[in-house]
Amino acid sequence: MNDRELVYLQDHELDPDLHPFELHPQLQQDTILLGHFILCDLLLMNDATYPWFIMVPRRSDVGEIYHLSEQDQSQLIKESSILSTGLNDTYTAEKMNVAALGNKVRQLHIHHVVRFSNDPAWPEPVWGKVPTLPYSAEQVGEVRSRVNGLLKDEDDYDPV
């Protein structure tokens, strides 16, 4: 190894007192907190065009799934699968788009977008296809109620 190579220790846990978790400012601006899984915060993208949810592991300085410990990777997949299954069933999705891109926001976050063949972006990605349509307070309440209902039997989820 030369002095320019970066070594990443996968199971290295940062001291939360020295490196507290903070949600990226762009995610704070664009989303609404719905609840907490054991590992991840569950956020609603503030765009009523699509049922669009984001999971963010509460770990500092993590930009990729492989940066998480093996235990956290397993927990992330478990939580994502629970959410995806519930969203698919509740919204009667034609397709669940689940992705961790991070091109603009480097903090690890996983998009869960419920897709339909009649949505405005189909079959393309949802980003930038139509102007953002923010939720009304009433709509946020409806989504919150719907998501809390689908996760009500999950011991590993706490609604906000």
C-alpha atoms as a PDB file:
ATOM      1  CA  MET A   1       0.000   0.000   0.000  1.00  0.00           C
ATOM      2  CA  ASN A   2       1.309   3.451  -0.832  1.00  0.00           C
ATOM      3  CA  ASP A   3       0.586   6.609   1.169  1.00  0.00           C
ATOM      4  CA  ARG A   4      -2.161   7.655  -1.271  1.00  0.00           C
ATOM      5  CA  GLU A   5      -4.329   4.585  -0.732  1.00  0.00           C
ATOM      6  CA  LEU A   6      -7.235   4.913   1.629  1.00  0.00           C
ATOM      7  CA  VAL A   7      -7.934   1.944   3.850  1.00  0.00           C
ATOM      8  CA  TYR A   8     -11.484   1.508   5.061  1.00  0.00           C
ATOM      9  CA  LEU A   9     -12.135  -0.671   8.067  1.00  0.00           C
ATOM     10  CA  GLN A  10     -15.660  -1.944   7.473  1.00  0.00           C
ATOM     11  CA  ASP A  11     -16.493  -2.717  11.092  1.00  0.00           C
ATOM     12  CA  HIS A  12     -14.970   0.489  12.449  1.00  0.00           C
ATOM     13  CA  GLU A  13     -17.577   2.202  14.612  1.00  0.00           C
ATOM     14  CA  LEU A  14     -17.150   5.920  15.183  1.00  0.00           C
ATOM     15  CA  ASP A  15     -17.574   7.183  18.723  1.00  0.00           C
ATOM     16  CA  PRO A  16     -21.046   8.809  18.687  1.00  0.00           C
ATOM     17  CA  ASP A  17     -19.876  11.416  21.220  1.00  0.00           C
ATOM     18  CA  LEU A  18     -17.131  12.545  18.856  1.00  0.00           C
ATOM     19  CA  HIS A  19     -19.075  11.938  15.633  1.00  0.00           C
ATOM     20  CA  PRO A  20     -22.794  12.401  16.343  1.00  0.00           C
ATOM     21  CA  PHE A  21     -25.285  11.511  13.631  1.00  0.00           C
ATOM     22  CA  GLU A  22     -26.704  14.484  11.776  1.00  0.00           C
ATOM     23  CA  LEU A  23     -29.160  14.353   8.915  1.00  0.00           C
ATOM     24  CA  HIS A  24     -27.768  16.040   5.803  1.00  0.00           C
ATOM     25  CA  PRO A  25     -29.215  19.573   5.375  1.00  0.00           C
ATOM     26  CA  GLN A  26     -30.644  18.746   1.930  1.00  0.00           C
ATOM     27  CA  LEU A  27     -32.524  15.765   3.350  1.00  0.00           C
ATOM     28  CA  GLN A  28     -33.765  17.931   6.227  1.00  0.00           C
ATOM     29  CA  GLN A  29     -35.071  20.444   3.715  1.00  0.00           C
ATOM     30  CA  ASP A  30     -36.696  17.944   1.325  1.00  0.00           C
ATOM     31  CA  THR A  31     -38.284  15.428   3.707  1.00  0.00           C
ATOM     32  CA  ILE A  32     -40.644  14.909   6.632  1.00  0.00           C
ATOM     33  CA  LEU A  33     -39.714  12.549   9.475  1.00  0.00           C
ATOM     34  CA  LEU A  34     -42.238   9.725   9.888  1.00  0.00           C
ATOM     35  CA  GLY A  35     -40.534   7.406  12.367  1.00  0.00           C
ATOM     36  CA  HIS A  36     -37.566   5.382  13.501  1.00  0.00           C
ATOM     37  CA  PHE A  37     -36.543   1.814  12.841  1.00  0.00           C
ATOM     38  CA  ILE A  38     -33.748   0.299  14.950  1.00  0.00           C
ATOM     39  CA  LEU A  39     -31.122   1.515  12.468  1.00  0.00           C
ATOM     40  CA  CYS A  40     -32.836   3.938  10.118  1.00  0.00           C
ATOM     41  CA  ASP A  41     -34.948   7.044  10.242  1.00  0.00           C
ATOM     42  CA  LEU A  42     -37.919   6.857   7.897  1.00  0.00           C
ATOM     43  CA  LEU A  43     -38.525  10.025   5.915  1.00  0.00           C
ATOM     44  CA  LEU A  44     -41.211  11.062   3.468  1.00  0.00           C
ATOM     45  CA  MET A  45     -39.985  12.948   0.416  1.00  0.00           C
ATOM     46  CA  ASN A  46     -42.047  16.141   0.318  1.00  0.00           C
ATOM     47  CA  ASP A  47     -43.323  15.502  -3.206  1.00  0.00           C
ATOM     48  CA  ALA A  48     -46.916  14.310  -3.478  1.00  0.00           C
ATOM     49  CA  THR A  49     -46.389  13.278  -7.099  1.00  0.00           C
ATOM     50  CA  TYR A  50     -45.156   9.859  -5.966  1.00  0.00           C
ATOM     51  CA  PRO A  51     -45.299   7.791  -2.764  1.00  0.00           C
ATOM     52  CA  TRP A  52     -41.590   8.332  -2.077  1.00  0.00           C
ATOM     53  CA  PHE A  53     -39.853   7.365   1.132  1.00  0.00           C
ATOM     54  CA  ILE A  54     -36.241   7.543   2.256  1.00  0.00           C
ATOM     55  CA  MET A  55     -34.448   5.481   4.881  1.00  0.00           C
ATOM     56  CA  VAL A  56     -31.315   6.948   6.474  1.00  0.00           C
ATOM     57  CA  PRO A  57     -29.128   4.837   8.772  1.00  0.00           C
ATOM     58  CA  ARG A  58     -28.337   6.808  11.934  1.00  0.00           C
ATOM     59  CA  ARG A  59     -24.592   6.403  11.519  1.00  0.00           C
ATOM     60  CA  SER A  60     -22.197   9.278  11.041  1.00  0.00           C
ATOM     61  CA  ASP A  61     -19.784   9.538   8.134  1.00  0.00           C
ATOM     62  CA  VAL A  62     -21.390   6.716   6.139  1.00  0.00           C
ATOM     63  CA  GLY A  63     -21.816   7.177   2.409  1.00  0.00           C
ATOM     64  CA  GLU A  64     -22.149   3.626   1.103  1.00  0.00           C
ATOM     65  CA  ILE A  65     -23.834   0.435   2.265  1.00  0.00           C
ATOM     66  CA  TYR A  66     -20.466  -1.315   2.458  1.00  0.00           C
ATOM     67  CA  HIS A  67     -19.318   1.332   4.968  1.00  0.00           C
ATOM     68  CA  LEU A  68     -21.763  -0.160   7.476  1.00  0.00           C
ATOM     69  CA  SER A  69     -20.787  -3.028   9.748  1.00  0.00           C
ATOM     70  CA  GLU A  70     -22.044  -6.445   8.671  1.00  0.00           C
ATOM     71  CA  GLN A  71     -24.646  -6.312  11.431  1.00  0.00           C
ATOM     72  CA  ASP A  72     -25.874  -2.894  10.240  1.00  0.00           C
ATOM     73  CA  GLN A  73     -25.932  -4.102   6.623  1.00  0.00           C
ATOM     74  CA  SER A  74     -28.203  -6.980   7.647  1.00  0.00           C
ATOM     75  CA  GLN A  75     -30.413  -4.661   9.678  1.00  0.00           C
ATOM     76  CA  LEU A  76     -30.657  -2.219   6.756  1.00  0.00           C
ATOM     77  CA  ILE A  77     -31.796  -4.972   4.383  1.00  0.00           C
ATOM     78  CA  LYS A  78     -34.324  -6.189   6.959  1.00  0.00           C
ATOM     79  CA  GLU A  79     -35.780  -2.707   7.483  1.00  0.00           C
ATOM     80  CA  SER A  80     -35.814  -1.933   3.754  1.00  0.00           C
ATOM     81  CA  SER A  81     -37.583  -5.218   3.025  1.00  0.00           C
ATOM     82  CA  ILE A  82     -40.214  -4.578   5.707  1.00  0.00           C
ATOM     83  CA  LEU A  83     -40.863  -1.110   4.298  1.00  0.00           C
ATOM     84  CA  SER A  84     -40.865  -2.250   0.657  1.00  0.00           C
ATOM     85  CA  THR A  85     -43.268  -5.102   1.334  1.00  0.00           C
ATOM     86  CA  GLY A  86     -45.633  -2.855   3.264  1.00  0.00           C
ATOM     87  CA  LEU A  87     -45.543  -0.075   0.671  1.00  0.00           C
ATOM     88  CA  ASN A  88     -46.023  -2.529  -2.182  1.00  0.00           C
ATOM     89  CA  ASP A  89     -49.070  -4.056  -0.524  1.00  0.00           C
ATOM     90  CA  THR A  90     -50.586  -0.808   0.806  1.00  0.00           C
ATOM     91  CA  TYR A  91     -50.216   1.178  -2.406  1.00  0.00           C
ATOM     92  CA  THR A  92     -50.693  -1.821  -4.745  1.00  0.00           C
ATOM     93  CA  ALA A  93     -47.477  -0.914  -6.528  1.00  0.00           C
ATOM     94  CA  GLU A  94     -46.685  -2.055 -10.035  1.00  0.00           C
ATOM     95  CA  LYS A  95     -42.989  -1.708  -9.198  1.00  0.00           C
ATOM     96  CA  MET A  96     -40.968  -0.751  -6.143  1.00  0.00           C
ATOM     97  CA  ASN A  97     -37.887   1.302  -6.991  1.00  0.00           C
ATOM     98  CA  VAL A  98     -35.319   0.920  -4.201  1.00  0.00           C
ATOM     99  CA  ALA A  99     -31.987   2.642  -4.684  1.00  0.00           C
ATOM    100  CA  ALA A 100     -29.036   4.221  -2.919  1.00  0.00           C
ATOM    101  CA  LEU A 101     -27.569   6.735  -5.363  1.00  0.00           C
ATOM    102  CA  GLY A 102     -26.007   9.540  -3.346  1.00  0.00           C
ATOM    103  CA  ASN A 103     -24.711  11.570  -6.268  1.00  0.00           C
ATOM    104  CA  LYS A 104     -25.843  14.892  -4.763  1.00  0.00           C
ATOM    105  CA  VAL A 105     -26.220  13.941  -1.097  1.00  0.00           C
ATOM    106  CA  ARG A 106     -23.298  11.760  -0.047  1.00  0.00           C
ATOM    107  CA  GLN A 107     -24.874  10.637   3.229  1.00  0.00           C
ATOM    108  CA  LEU A 108     -26.182   7.095   2.808  1.00  0.00           C
ATOM    109  CA  HIS A 109     -29.912   7.198   2.148  1.00  0.00           C
ATOM    110  CA  ILE A 110     -32.088   4.638   0.411  1.00  0.00           C
ATOM    111  CA  HIS A 111     -34.987   5.742  -1.768  1.00  0.00           C
ATOM    112  CA  HIS A 112     -38.178   3.633  -1.794  1.00  0.00           C
ATOM    113  CA  VAL A 113     -40.442   4.900  -4.571  1.00  0.00           C
ATOM    114  CA  VAL A 114     -43.794   3.290  -5.302  1.00  0.00           C
ATOM    115  CA  ARG A 115     -44.216   3.250  -9.079  1.00  0.00           C
ATOM    116  CA  PHE A 116     -47.167   2.908 -11.418  1.00  0.00           C
ATOM    117  CA  SER A 117     -47.289   2.772 -15.206  1.00  0.00           C
ATOM    118  CA  ASN A 118     -49.495   5.879 -15.187  1.00  0.00           C
ATOM    119  CA  ASP A 119     -47.212   8.029 -13.013  1.00  0.00           C
ATOM    120  CA  PRO A 120     -45.764  11.152 -14.702  1.00  0.00           C
ATOM    121  CA  ALA A 121     -42.236   9.756 -15.054  1.00  0.00           C
ATOM    122  CA  TRP A 122     -42.969   6.144 -16.006  1.00  0.00           C
ATOM    123  CA  PRO A 123     -40.864   4.258 -16.992  1.00  0.00           C
ATOM    124  CA  GLU A 124     -38.034   6.742 -16.402  1.00  0.00           C
ATOM    125  CA  PRO A 125     -36.530   7.704 -13.013  1.00  0.00           C
ATOM    126  CA  VAL A 126     -38.613  10.151 -10.970  1.00  0.00           C
ATOM    127  CA  TRP A 127     -35.922  12.820 -10.553  1.00  0.00           C
ATOM    128  CA  GLY A 128     -36.657  16.068 -12.339  1.00  0.00           C
ATOM    129  CA  LYS A 129     -39.412  14.806 -14.619  1.00  0.00           C
ATOM    130  CA  VAL A 130     -42.113  17.106 -13.243  1.00  0.00           C
ATOM    131  CA  PRO A 131     -42.030  20.028 -10.795  1.00  0.00           C
ATOM    132  CA  THR A 132     -42.145  19.059  -7.129  1.00  0.00           C
ATOM    133  CA  LEU A 133     -45.629  19.107  -5.622  1.00  0.00           C
ATOM    134  CA  PRO A 134     -45.297  19.615  -1.826  1.00  0.00           C
ATOM    135  CA  TYR A 135     -47.730  17.776   0.421  1.00  0.00           C
ATOM    136  CA  SER A 136     -50.435  19.690   2.262  1.00  0.00           C
ATOM    137  CA  ALA A 137     -50.604  19.198   6.039  1.00  0.00           C
ATOM    138  CA  GLU A 138     -53.706  17.041   5.519  1.00  0.00           C
ATOM    139  CA  GLN A 139     -51.909  14.853   2.967  1.00  0.00           C
ATOM    140  CA  VAL A 140     -48.929  14.414   5.307  1.00  0.00           C
ATOM    141  CA  GLY A 141     -51.358  13.270   8.006  1.00  0.00           C
ATOM    142  CA  GLU A 142     -52.915  10.767   5.599  1.00  0.00           C
ATOM    143  CA  VAL A 143     -49.534   9.353   4.548  1.00  0.00           C
ATOM    144  CA  ARG A 144     -48.344   9.237   8.160  1.00  0.00           C
ATOM    145  CA  SER A 145     -51.503   7.342   9.160  1.00  0.00           C
ATOM    146  CA  ARG A 146     -51.145   4.943   6.229  1.00  0.00           C
ATOM    147  CA  VAL A 147     -47.464   4.193   6.919  1.00  0.00           C
ATOM    148  CA  ASN A 148     -47.971   3.888  10.675  1.00  0.00           C
ATOM    149  CA  GLY A 149     -50.822   1.480   9.917  1.00  0.00           C
ATOM    150  CA  LEU A 150     -48.691  -0.725   7.707  1.00  0.00           C
ATOM    151  CA  LEU A 151     -45.876  -0.768  10.299  1.00  0.00           C
ATOM    152  CA  LYS A 152     -48.068  -1.015  13.423  1.00  0.00           C
ATOM    153  CA  ASP A 153     -47.145  -4.642  14.103  1.00  0.00           C
ATOM    154  CA  GLU A 154     -43.406  -4.050  13.711  1.00  0.00           C
ATOM    155  CA  ASP A 155     -41.710  -4.038  17.123  1.00  0.00           C
ATOM    156  CA  ASP A 156     -38.657  -2.458  15.487  1.00  0.00           C
ATOM    157  CA  TYR A 157     -40.505   0.704  14.359  1.00  0.00           C
ATOM    158  CA  ASP A 158     -41.523   3.772  16.359  1.00  0.00           C
ATOM    159  CA  PRO A 159     -43.715   6.386  14.667  1.00  0.00           C
ATOM    160  CA  VAL A 160     -43.128  10.077  15.312  1.00  0.00           C
END
